[in-house]
Amino acid sequence: MFNGDKYAFWSVNMKTLFKLQDLWELVEEGFLDSDEATRLRENKKKDAKALFFLQQAVHENIFPRIMGATSSKEAWFILQKEFQGDSKVITVKLQALRREFETAMMKDKELVQEFLSKLSTIVSQMRMYGETCNNQTIVAKVLRSLTPRFDHVVAAIEELEDLTIFSFDKLMGSLQAHEARINHPNEHT
């Protein structure tokens, strides 16, 4: 249920629902009235189904905004424009996220999982606005941004791994394993 907050997350869920129902293409592109009669009737029915899903997925405070929409494409566009913004707004949001990504640094007391989660969230938001962040860029950013207690692990990874194919998930596992060893050293008695 979309109540006006976190549009980006809601829109991803709705896109998935529409794809599951084989409706996304219709919502995104609409349909032509010049389609052959059988296909036009089928498209109108699918469009009404998609519009119904949209109407059901918005809070009663949001519903009046799309109440007059006659197609799912029109309703989607209204919500997208109001809550995601136009291309200028998206560009500004993306710039802010890029800056946040570029300046993110792990804090001394921060757990590696917290830092990686924060970076993953930023990357996900950037991708929602159309940015393509490849794995190599993300891995390189993480390696540059860790605290000095990870320096020897970073050196080992850079020496032993091919960073062009080294996955973020594998990096995350390595760093978490290292942190676990640091935080819970074996006691030798």
N, C-alpha and C. Protein backbone atom coordinates (compact mmCIF):
# COMPACT_ATOMS: atom_id res chain seq x y z
N MET A 1 0.85 -1.17 0.00
CA MET A 1 0.00 0.00 0.00
C MET A 1 0.90 1.23 0.00
N PHE A 2 0.80 2.04 -1.01
CA PHE A 2 1.60 3.25 -1.14
C PHE A 2 0.89 4.40 -0.44
N ASN A 3 1.58 5.00 0.55
CA ASN A 3 0.99 6.10 1.30
C ASN A 3 1.67 7.44 1.03
N GLY A 4 2.54 7.47 0.06
CA GLY A 4 3.25 8.70 -0.27
C GLY A 4 4.71 8.68 0.13
N ASP A 5 5.11 7.69 0.90
CA ASP A 5 6.50 7.55 1.33
C ASP A 5 7.17 6.40 0.58
N LYS A 6 8.46 6.53 0.37
CA LYS A 6 9.29 5.48 -0.23
C LYS A 6 8.74 5.02 -1.58
N TYR A 7 8.51 5.97 -2.44
CA TYR A 7 7.98 5.66 -3.78
C TYR A 7 8.86 4.68 -4.53
N ALA A 8 10.17 4.86 -4.45
CA ALA A 8 11.08 4.01 -5.23
C ALA A 8 10.89 2.54 -4.88
N PHE A 9 10.77 2.24 -3.60
CA PHE A 9 10.59 0.85 -3.19
C PHE A 9 9.22 0.33 -3.62
N TRP A 10 8.20 1.15 -3.45
CA TRP A 10 6.86 0.76 -3.85
C TRP A 10 6.81 0.49 -5.36
N SER A 11 7.43 1.36 -6.15
CA SER A 11 7.36 1.20 -7.60
C SER A 11 8.07 -0.08 -8.05
N VAL A 12 9.13 -0.47 -7.38
CA VAL A 12 9.81 -1.72 -7.72
C VAL A 12 8.87 -2.90 -7.45
N ASN A 13 8.19 -2.86 -6.31
CA ASN A 13 7.24 -3.93 -5.98
C ASN A 13 6.11 -4.00 -7.01
N MET A 14 5.61 -2.84 -7.40
CA MET A 14 4.52 -2.81 -8.36
C MET A 14 4.98 -3.30 -9.74
N LYS A 15 6.19 -2.92 -10.15
CA LYS A 15 6.71 -3.40 -11.43
C LYS A 15 6.79 -4.93 -11.42
N THR A 16 7.23 -5.48 -10.31
CA THR A 16 7.32 -6.93 -10.19
C THR A 16 5.94 -7.57 -10.29
N LEU A 17 4.97 -6.99 -9.61
CA LEU A 17 3.60 -7.49 -9.69
C LEU A 17 3.07 -7.43 -11.12
N PHE A 18 3.30 -6.31 -11.78
CA PHE A 18 2.84 -6.17 -13.16
C PHE A 18 3.53 -7.16 -14.09
N LYS A 19 4.81 -7.39 -13.89
CA LYS A 19 5.52 -8.37 -14.72
C LYS A 19 4.98 -9.77 -14.46
N LEU A 20 4.70 -10.08 -13.21
CA LEU A 20 4.14 -11.37 -12.86
C LEU A 20 2.79 -11.59 -13.55
N GLN A 21 2.02 -10.55 -13.66
CA GLN A 21 0.70 -10.63 -14.27
C GLN A 21 0.76 -10.38 -15.79
N ASP A 22 1.96 -10.25 -16.34
CA ASP A 22 2.16 -9.97 -17.76
C ASP A 22 1.47 -8.67 -18.17
N LEU A 23 1.62 -7.65 -17.31
CA LEU A 23 0.98 -6.36 -17.54
C LEU A 23 1.96 -5.20 -17.65
N TRP A 24 3.23 -5.40 -17.31
CA TRP A 24 4.17 -4.28 -17.23
C TRP A 24 4.31 -3.54 -18.56
N GLU A 25 4.43 -4.27 -19.64
CA GLU A 25 4.60 -3.63 -20.95
C GLU A 25 3.42 -2.71 -21.24
N LEU A 26 2.25 -3.14 -20.87
CA LEU A 26 1.04 -2.34 -21.07
C LEU A 26 1.05 -1.08 -20.21
N VAL A 27 1.47 -1.22 -18.95
CA VAL A 27 1.54 -0.07 -18.04
C VAL A 27 2.59 0.93 -18.53
N GLU A 28 3.71 0.41 -18.97
CA GLU A 28 4.81 1.26 -19.39
C GLU A 28 4.56 1.93 -20.74
N GLU A 29 4.00 1.18 -21.68
CA GLU A 29 3.87 1.69 -23.05
C GLU A 29 2.44 2.02 -23.46
N GLY A 30 1.46 1.47 -22.74
CA GLY A 30 0.08 1.69 -23.14
C GLY A 30 -0.27 0.81 -24.32
N PHE A 31 -1.41 1.10 -24.96
CA PHE A 31 -1.83 0.35 -26.14
C PHE A 31 -2.49 1.30 -27.11
N LEU A 32 -2.60 0.87 -28.34
CA LEU A 32 -3.18 1.71 -29.39
C LEU A 32 -4.62 1.33 -29.65
N ASP A 33 -5.47 2.33 -29.84
CA ASP A 33 -6.86 2.07 -30.17
C ASP A 33 -7.00 1.48 -31.57
N SER A 34 -5.94 1.58 -32.35
CA SER A 34 -6.01 1.07 -33.72
C SER A 34 -5.69 -0.43 -33.80
N ASP A 35 -5.43 -1.07 -32.64
CA ASP A 35 -5.19 -2.52 -32.65
C ASP A 35 -6.42 -3.22 -33.22
N GLU A 36 -6.22 -4.41 -33.74
CA GLU A 36 -7.36 -5.18 -34.24
C GLU A 36 -8.36 -5.40 -33.10
N ALA A 37 -9.60 -5.60 -33.42
CA ALA A 37 -10.70 -5.62 -32.44
C ALA A 37 -10.47 -6.60 -31.30
N THR A 38 -10.08 -7.83 -31.59
CA THR A 38 -9.88 -8.84 -30.55
C THR A 38 -8.72 -8.44 -29.64
N ARG A 39 -7.65 -8.01 -30.26
CA ARG A 39 -6.47 -7.60 -29.48
C ARG A 39 -6.78 -6.34 -28.68
N LEU A 40 -7.52 -5.41 -29.23
CA LEU A 40 -7.89 -4.19 -28.53
C LEU A 40 -8.71 -4.52 -27.30
N ARG A 41 -9.69 -5.42 -27.44
CA ARG A 41 -10.53 -5.82 -26.31
C ARG A 41 -9.67 -6.47 -25.22
N GLU A 42 -8.74 -7.33 -25.62
CA GLU A 42 -7.84 -8.00 -24.67
C GLU A 42 -6.94 -6.97 -23.96
N ASN A 43 -6.41 -6.02 -24.72
CA ASN A 43 -5.55 -5.00 -24.13
C ASN A 43 -6.32 -4.10 -23.18
N LYS A 44 -7.56 -3.76 -23.52
CA LYS A 44 -8.38 -2.94 -22.63
C LYS A 44 -8.66 -3.68 -21.33
N LYS A 45 -8.89 -4.97 -21.43
CA LYS A 45 -9.15 -5.77 -20.24
C LYS A 45 -7.89 -5.84 -19.37
N LYS A 46 -6.75 -6.08 -19.99
CA LYS A 46 -5.49 -6.11 -19.24
C LYS A 46 -5.20 -4.75 -18.61
N ASP A 47 -5.47 -3.69 -19.37
CA ASP A 47 -5.22 -2.35 -18.85
C ASP A 47 -6.12 -2.06 -17.65
N ALA A 48 -7.37 -2.47 -17.72
CA ALA A 48 -8.28 -2.28 -16.59
C ALA A 48 -7.79 -3.06 -15.37
N LYS A 49 -7.25 -4.24 -15.60
CA LYS A 49 -6.70 -5.04 -14.51
C LYS A 49 -5.51 -4.33 -13.87
N ALA A 50 -4.60 -3.81 -14.70
CA ALA A 50 -3.43 -3.09 -14.19
C ALA A 50 -3.85 -1.82 -13.45
N LEU A 51 -4.82 -1.09 -13.99
CA LEU A 51 -5.33 0.11 -13.33
C LEU A 51 -5.94 -0.24 -11.98
N PHE A 52 -6.68 -1.35 -11.93
CA PHE A 52 -7.26 -1.82 -10.68
C PHE A 52 -6.16 -2.10 -9.65
N PHE A 53 -5.09 -2.79 -10.06
CA PHE A 53 -3.98 -3.08 -9.15
C PHE A 53 -3.39 -1.78 -8.60
N LEU A 54 -3.20 -0.81 -9.47
CA LEU A 54 -2.66 0.48 -9.02
C LEU A 54 -3.59 1.14 -8.02
N GLN A 55 -4.88 1.16 -8.34
CA GLN A 55 -5.85 1.79 -7.44
C GLN A 55 -5.87 1.09 -6.09
N GLN A 56 -5.72 -0.22 -6.08
CA GLN A 56 -5.73 -0.97 -4.82
C GLN A 56 -4.44 -0.81 -4.03
N ALA A 57 -3.38 -0.44 -4.70
CA ALA A 57 -2.06 -0.38 -4.06
C ALA A 57 -1.69 1.01 -3.55
N VAL A 58 -2.62 1.94 -3.61
CA VAL A 58 -2.34 3.28 -3.08
C VAL A 58 -3.28 3.57 -1.91
N HIS A 59 -2.77 4.33 -0.97
CA HIS A 59 -3.54 4.74 0.21
C HIS A 59 -4.67 5.66 -0.22
N GLU A 60 -5.70 5.73 0.58
CA GLU A 60 -6.86 6.57 0.25
C GLU A 60 -6.49 8.05 0.11
N ASN A 61 -5.39 8.47 0.72
CA ASN A 61 -4.93 9.86 0.56
C ASN A 61 -4.28 10.09 -0.79
N ILE A 62 -3.77 9.04 -1.40
CA ILE A 62 -3.09 9.13 -2.70
C ILE A 62 -4.08 8.87 -3.84
N PHE A 63 -5.10 8.07 -3.59
CA PHE A 63 -6.04 7.66 -4.63
C PHE A 63 -6.63 8.82 -5.44
N PRO A 64 -7.02 9.94 -4.80
CA PRO A 64 -7.60 11.03 -5.61
C PRO A 64 -6.69 11.52 -6.73
N ARG A 65 -5.40 11.36 -6.58
CA ARG A 65 -4.46 11.82 -7.60
C ARG A 65 -4.60 11.01 -8.90
N ILE A 66 -4.96 9.74 -8.77
CA ILE A 66 -5.08 8.89 -9.97
C ILE A 66 -6.53 8.53 -10.29
N MET A 67 -7.44 9.05 -9.53
CA MET A 67 -8.85 8.72 -9.69
C MET A 67 -9.36 9.00 -11.10
N GLY A 68 -8.89 10.06 -11.71
CA GLY A 68 -9.36 10.43 -13.05
C GLY A 68 -8.62 9.74 -14.18
N ALA A 69 -7.61 8.98 -13.86
CA ALA A 69 -6.83 8.30 -14.90
C ALA A 69 -7.68 7.24 -15.58
N THR A 70 -7.60 7.19 -16.89
CA THR A 70 -8.40 6.22 -17.64
C THR A 70 -7.58 5.03 -18.12
N SER A 71 -6.28 5.06 -17.88
CA SER A 71 -5.43 3.93 -18.25
C SER A 71 -4.37 3.72 -17.18
N SER A 72 -3.83 2.52 -17.15
CA SER A 72 -2.78 2.22 -16.18
C SER A 72 -1.53 3.06 -16.47
N LYS A 73 -1.25 3.28 -17.74
CA LYS A 73 -0.09 4.09 -18.11
C LYS A 73 -0.24 5.50 -17.57
N GLU A 74 -1.41 6.08 -17.71
CA GLU A 74 -1.66 7.44 -17.22
C GLU A 74 -1.53 7.50 -15.70
N ALA A 75 -2.11 6.53 -14.99
CA ALA A 75 -2.02 6.51 -13.52
C ALA A 75 -0.57 6.34 -13.07
N TRP A 76 0.15 5.44 -13.73
CA TRP A 76 1.55 5.21 -13.38
C TRP A 76 2.37 6.49 -13.59
N PHE A 77 2.14 7.16 -14.70
CA PHE A 77 2.87 8.38 -15.02
C PHE A 77 2.59 9.47 -13.98
N ILE A 78 1.34 9.60 -13.56
CA ILE A 78 0.97 10.60 -12.55
C ILE A 78 1.74 10.35 -11.25
N LEU A 79 1.74 9.10 -10.80
CA LEU A 79 2.44 8.76 -9.55
C LEU A 79 3.95 8.93 -9.70
N GLN A 80 4.46 8.49 -10.83
CA GLN A 80 5.90 8.58 -11.08
C GLN A 80 6.36 10.04 -11.08
N LYS A 81 5.62 10.87 -11.77
CA LYS A 81 6.00 12.27 -11.88
C LYS A 81 5.93 12.97 -10.52
N GLU A 82 4.89 12.69 -9.77
CA GLU A 82 4.73 13.36 -8.48
C GLU A 82 5.72 12.87 -7.42
N PHE A 83 5.94 11.57 -7.37
CA PHE A 83 6.72 11.03 -6.27
C PHE A 83 8.16 10.69 -6.61
N GLN A 84 8.45 10.47 -7.87
CA GLN A 84 9.84 10.25 -8.26
C GLN A 84 10.43 11.53 -8.82
N GLY A 85 9.61 12.31 -9.47
CA GLY A 85 10.06 13.57 -10.04
C GLY A 85 10.34 13.45 -11.53
N ASP A 86 10.53 14.59 -12.16
CA ASP A 86 10.85 14.58 -13.59
C ASP A 86 12.34 14.34 -13.76
N SER A 87 12.82 14.42 -14.97
CA SER A 87 14.22 14.09 -15.24
C SER A 87 15.19 14.99 -14.49
N LYS A 88 14.83 16.26 -14.29
CA LYS A 88 15.72 17.16 -13.54
C LYS A 88 15.83 16.73 -12.09
N VAL A 89 14.70 16.37 -11.50
CA VAL A 89 14.70 15.93 -10.10
C VAL A 89 15.49 14.63 -9.97
N ILE A 90 15.28 13.72 -10.90
CA ILE A 90 16.00 12.45 -10.88
C ILE A 90 17.50 12.69 -11.00
N THR A 91 17.90 13.60 -11.87
CA THR A 91 19.32 13.93 -12.03
C THR A 91 19.91 14.46 -10.74
N VAL A 92 19.18 15.33 -10.06
CA VAL A 92 19.65 15.89 -8.79
C VAL A 92 19.75 14.80 -7.72
N LYS A 93 18.74 13.95 -7.64
CA LYS A 93 18.76 12.85 -6.67
C LYS A 93 19.93 11.91 -6.95
N LEU A 94 20.14 11.62 -8.22
CA LEU A 94 21.22 10.73 -8.60
C LEU A 94 22.58 11.34 -8.27
N GLN A 95 22.72 12.63 -8.50
CA GLN A 95 23.97 13.31 -8.15
C GLN A 95 24.24 13.22 -6.65
N ALA A 96 23.19 13.42 -5.85
CA ALA A 96 23.34 13.34 -4.39
C ALA A 96 23.75 11.92 -3.97
N LEU A 97 23.14 10.92 -4.60
CA LEU A 97 23.50 9.54 -4.28
C LEU A 97 24.91 9.20 -4.71
N ARG A 98 25.33 9.71 -5.88
CA ARG A 98 26.71 9.48 -6.33
C ARG A 98 27.70 10.09 -5.33
N ARG A 99 27.40 11.30 -4.88
CA ARG A 99 28.27 11.96 -3.90
C ARG A 99 28.32 11.16 -2.61
N GLU A 100 27.16 10.68 -2.17
CA GLU A 100 27.10 9.87 -0.95
C GLU A 100 27.92 8.59 -1.12
N PHE A 101 27.82 7.97 -2.28
CA PHE A 101 28.58 6.76 -2.57
C PHE A 101 30.09 7.05 -2.57
N GLU A 102 30.46 8.11 -3.26
CA GLU A 102 31.89 8.44 -3.40
C GLU A 102 32.52 8.83 -2.07
N THR A 103 31.78 9.49 -1.19
CA THR A 103 32.36 9.98 0.06
C THR A 103 32.17 9.01 1.23
N ALA A 104 31.45 7.93 1.03
CA ALA A 104 31.21 6.97 2.12
C ALA A 104 32.52 6.35 2.56
N MET A 105 32.75 6.36 3.85
CA MET A 105 33.93 5.74 4.45
C MET A 105 33.49 4.98 5.70
N MET A 106 34.09 3.85 5.92
CA MET A 106 33.77 3.07 7.10
C MET A 106 34.30 3.79 8.34
N LYS A 107 33.47 3.86 9.36
CA LYS A 107 33.88 4.49 10.63
C LYS A 107 34.60 3.48 11.51
N ASP A 108 35.44 3.99 12.42
CA ASP A 108 36.26 3.11 13.26
C ASP A 108 35.47 2.06 14.03
N LYS A 109 34.37 2.43 14.62
CA LYS A 109 33.59 1.50 15.45
C LYS A 109 32.50 0.78 14.65
N GLU A 110 32.37 1.08 13.37
CA GLU A 110 31.31 0.51 12.54
C GLU A 110 31.63 -0.94 12.18
N LEU A 111 30.63 -1.79 12.25
CA LEU A 111 30.79 -3.17 11.81
C LEU A 111 30.82 -3.21 10.29
N VAL A 112 31.55 -4.15 9.75
CA VAL A 112 31.68 -4.26 8.30
C VAL A 112 30.30 -4.49 7.67
N GLN A 113 29.46 -5.29 8.33
CA GLN A 113 28.12 -5.55 7.80
C GLN A 113 27.31 -4.26 7.70
N GLU A 114 27.43 -3.38 8.70
CA GLU A 114 26.71 -2.10 8.67
C GLU A 114 27.19 -1.24 7.51
N PHE A 115 28.49 -1.18 7.33
CA PHE A 115 29.05 -0.37 6.25
C PHE A 115 28.64 -0.91 4.88
N LEU A 116 28.75 -2.22 4.70
CA LEU A 116 28.39 -2.83 3.41
C LEU A 116 26.89 -2.68 3.14
N SER A 117 26.10 -2.78 4.18
CA SER A 117 24.65 -2.60 4.02
C SER A 117 24.33 -1.17 3.59
N LYS A 118 25.03 -0.21 4.19
CA LYS A 118 24.82 1.19 3.83
C LYS A 118 25.20 1.43 2.37
N LEU A 119 26.34 0.89 1.94
CA LEU A 119 26.74 1.04 0.54
C LEU A 119 25.77 0.33 -0.41
N SER A 120 25.31 -0.85 -0.03
CA SER A 120 24.35 -1.59 -0.86
C SER A 120 23.06 -0.80 -1.04
N THR A 121 22.62 -0.16 0.02
CA THR A 121 21.40 0.65 -0.06
C THR A 121 21.59 1.81 -1.02
N ILE A 122 22.72 2.48 -0.93
CA ILE A 122 23.01 3.60 -1.83
C ILE A 122 23.04 3.11 -3.28
N VAL A 123 23.72 2.00 -3.53
CA VAL A 123 23.82 1.45 -4.88
C VAL A 123 22.43 1.06 -5.41
N SER A 124 21.62 0.46 -4.57
CA SER A 124 20.26 0.08 -4.98
C SER A 124 19.44 1.31 -5.36
N GLN A 125 19.56 2.37 -4.58
CA GLN A 125 18.84 3.59 -4.89
C GLN A 125 19.34 4.20 -6.20
N MET A 126 20.65 4.17 -6.41
CA MET A 126 21.21 4.69 -7.66
C MET A 126 20.67 3.90 -8.85
N ARG A 127 20.60 2.59 -8.70
CA ARG A 127 20.10 1.74 -9.78
C ARG A 127 18.63 2.01 -10.05
N MET A 128 17.86 2.32 -9.00
CA MET A 128 16.44 2.63 -9.20
C MET A 128 16.26 3.90 -10.04
N TYR A 129 17.24 4.78 -9.99
CA TYR A 129 17.18 6.01 -10.78
C TYR A 129 17.90 5.86 -12.12
N GLY A 130 18.28 4.64 -12.47
CA GLY A 130 18.83 4.38 -13.79
C GLY A 130 20.34 4.31 -13.87
N GLU A 131 21.03 4.45 -12.77
CA GLU A 131 22.50 4.38 -12.77
C GLU A 131 22.93 2.93 -12.93
N THR A 132 23.97 2.71 -13.70
CA THR A 132 24.53 1.37 -13.82
C THR A 132 25.82 1.32 -13.01
N CYS A 133 25.78 0.62 -11.92
CA CYS A 133 26.95 0.45 -11.05
C CYS A 133 27.44 -0.97 -11.23
N ASN A 134 28.62 -1.11 -11.84
CA ASN A 134 29.10 -2.47 -12.02
C ASN A 134 29.80 -2.98 -10.77
N ASN A 135 29.91 -4.28 -10.69
CA ASN A 135 30.48 -4.95 -9.53
C ASN A 135 31.91 -4.48 -9.24
N GLN A 136 32.69 -4.29 -10.28
CA GLN A 136 34.09 -3.89 -10.13
C GLN A 136 34.19 -2.52 -9.43
N THR A 137 33.32 -1.59 -9.78
CA THR A 137 33.31 -0.26 -9.17
C THR A 137 32.96 -0.35 -7.69
N ILE A 138 31.99 -1.19 -7.37
CA ILE A 138 31.55 -1.33 -5.99
C ILE A 138 32.64 -1.98 -5.14
N VAL A 139 33.23 -3.05 -5.65
CA VAL A 139 34.31 -3.73 -4.93
C VAL A 139 35.48 -2.77 -4.70
N ALA A 140 35.87 -2.02 -5.71
CA ALA A 140 36.97 -1.06 -5.58
C ALA A 140 36.64 -0.01 -4.53
N LYS A 141 35.41 0.47 -4.52
CA LYS A 141 34.99 1.47 -3.54
C LYS A 141 35.09 0.91 -2.13
N VAL A 142 34.61 -0.31 -1.93
CA VAL A 142 34.68 -0.92 -0.60
C VAL A 142 36.12 -1.04 -0.15
N LEU A 143 36.99 -1.54 -1.01
CA LEU A 143 38.39 -1.74 -0.64
C LEU A 143 39.08 -0.42 -0.27
N ARG A 144 38.69 0.67 -0.93
CA ARG A 144 39.27 1.99 -0.63
C ARG A 144 38.73 2.59 0.67
N SER A 145 37.58 2.13 1.10
CA SER A 145 36.84 2.82 2.15
C SER A 145 36.90 2.15 3.52
N LEU A 146 37.59 1.04 3.61
CA LEU A 146 37.66 0.32 4.88
C LEU A 146 38.61 1.00 5.85
N THR A 147 38.45 0.70 7.13
CA THR A 147 39.33 1.25 8.15
C THR A 147 40.69 0.53 8.08
N PRO A 148 41.72 1.12 8.68
CA PRO A 148 43.06 0.52 8.64
C PRO A 148 43.14 -0.90 9.20
N ARG A 149 42.21 -1.29 10.07
CA ARG A 149 42.27 -2.66 10.60
C ARG A 149 42.06 -3.72 9.52
N PHE A 150 41.61 -3.30 8.34
CA PHE A 150 41.41 -4.22 7.23
C PHE A 150 42.52 -4.12 6.18
N ASP A 151 43.54 -3.31 6.42
CA ASP A 151 44.58 -3.08 5.41
C ASP A 151 45.23 -4.37 4.92
N HIS A 152 45.58 -5.26 5.83
CA HIS A 152 46.25 -6.49 5.39
C HIS A 152 45.30 -7.40 4.61
N VAL A 153 44.02 -7.38 4.92
CA VAL A 153 43.04 -8.18 4.16
C VAL A 153 42.88 -7.58 2.77
N VAL A 154 42.80 -6.25 2.70
CA VAL A 154 42.69 -5.56 1.41
C VAL A 154 43.91 -5.90 0.55
N ALA A 155 45.10 -5.83 1.15
CA ALA A 155 46.32 -6.15 0.41
C ALA A 155 46.29 -7.59 -0.11
N ALA A 156 45.83 -8.51 0.72
CA ALA A 156 45.77 -9.92 0.30
C ALA A 156 44.76 -10.10 -0.84
N ILE A 157 43.62 -9.47 -0.73
CA ILE A 157 42.60 -9.58 -1.78
C ILE A 157 43.13 -9.00 -3.09
N GLU A 158 43.73 -7.82 -3.00
CA GLU A 158 44.26 -7.17 -4.21
C GLU A 158 45.37 -8.01 -4.85
N GLU A 159 46.13 -8.71 -4.03
CA GLU A 159 47.24 -9.52 -4.54
C GLU A 159 46.76 -10.86 -5.11
N LEU A 160 45.79 -11.47 -4.46
CA LEU A 160 45.40 -12.84 -4.81
C LEU A 160 44.19 -12.94 -5.75
N GLU A 161 43.39 -11.92 -5.81
CA GLU A 161 42.14 -12.00 -6.58
C GLU A 161 42.21 -11.14 -7.84
N ASP A 162 41.49 -11.55 -8.85
CA ASP A 162 41.31 -10.75 -10.06
C ASP A 162 40.12 -9.83 -9.79
N LEU A 163 40.39 -8.57 -9.50
CA LEU A 163 39.33 -7.64 -9.09
C LEU A 163 38.33 -7.34 -10.20
N THR A 164 38.65 -7.70 -11.43
CA THR A 164 37.69 -7.47 -12.52
C THR A 164 36.53 -8.47 -12.45
N ILE A 165 36.74 -9.58 -11.74
CA ILE A 165 35.68 -10.59 -11.63
C ILE A 165 35.33 -10.93 -10.18
N PHE A 166 36.02 -10.32 -9.24
CA PHE A 166 35.79 -10.58 -7.81
C PHE A 166 34.43 -10.00 -7.43
N SER A 167 33.55 -10.83 -6.89
CA SER A 167 32.18 -10.39 -6.62
C SER A 167 32.06 -9.67 -5.28
N PHE A 168 31.07 -8.82 -5.21
CA PHE A 168 30.76 -8.10 -3.98
C PHE A 168 30.40 -9.09 -2.88
N ASP A 169 29.66 -10.14 -3.22
CA ASP A 169 29.27 -11.14 -2.22
C ASP A 169 30.48 -11.86 -1.65
N LYS A 170 31.43 -12.20 -2.51
CA LYS A 170 32.65 -12.87 -2.04
C LYS A 170 33.46 -11.92 -1.16
N LEU A 171 33.54 -10.66 -1.55
CA LEU A 171 34.24 -9.66 -0.74
C LEU A 171 33.57 -9.53 0.62
N MET A 172 32.26 -9.46 0.62
CA MET A 172 31.51 -9.32 1.87
C MET A 172 31.81 -10.50 2.79
N GLY A 173 31.79 -11.70 2.24
CA GLY A 173 32.10 -12.89 3.04
C GLY A 173 33.50 -12.86 3.62
N SER A 174 34.47 -12.46 2.81
CA SER A 174 35.86 -12.38 3.28
C SER A 174 36.01 -11.36 4.41
N LEU A 175 35.40 -10.21 4.23
CA LEU A 175 35.52 -9.15 5.24
C LEU A 175 34.81 -9.52 6.53
N GLN A 176 33.66 -10.15 6.42
CA GLN A 176 32.93 -10.55 7.62
C GLN A 176 33.68 -11.66 8.36
N ALA A 177 34.27 -12.58 7.63
CA ALA A 177 35.05 -13.64 8.27
C ALA A 177 36.26 -13.04 8.99
N HIS A 178 36.92 -12.07 8.36
CA HIS A 178 38.06 -11.41 8.99
C HIS A 178 37.62 -10.67 10.24
N GLU A 179 36.53 -9.96 10.17
CA GLU A 179 36.03 -9.22 11.33
C GLU A 179 35.67 -10.17 12.47
N ALA A 180 35.09 -11.30 12.14
CA ALA A 180 34.74 -12.29 13.18
C ALA A 180 36.01 -12.79 13.87
N ARG A 181 37.07 -13.00 13.10
CA ARG A 181 38.34 -13.43 13.69
C ARG A 181 38.92 -12.34 14.60
N ILE A 182 38.82 -11.09 14.19
CA ILE A 182 39.33 -9.98 14.99
C ILE A 182 38.55 -9.88 16.30
N ASN A 183 37.23 -9.97 16.20
CA ASN A 183 36.37 -9.76 17.36
C ASN A 183 36.31 -10.93 18.31
N HIS A 184 36.60 -12.14 17.83
CA HIS A 184 36.55 -13.33 18.66
C HIS A 184 37.80 -14.17 18.44
N PRO A 185 38.94 -13.65 18.88
CA PRO A 185 40.18 -14.40 18.66
C PRO A 185 40.18 -15.69 19.49
N ASN A 186 40.82 -16.71 18.94
CA ASN A 186 40.96 -17.98 19.69
C ASN A 186 41.90 -17.73 20.84
N GLU A 187 41.51 -18.20 21.98
CA GLU A 187 42.36 -18.04 23.17
C GLU A 187 43.23 -19.26 23.31
N HIS A 188 44.51 -19.05 23.41
CA HIS A 188 45.46 -20.16 23.59
C HIS A 188 45.90 -20.16 25.02
N THR A 189 45.62 -21.26 25.73
CA THR A 189 46.01 -21.35 27.13
C THR A 189 46.92 -22.51 27.38
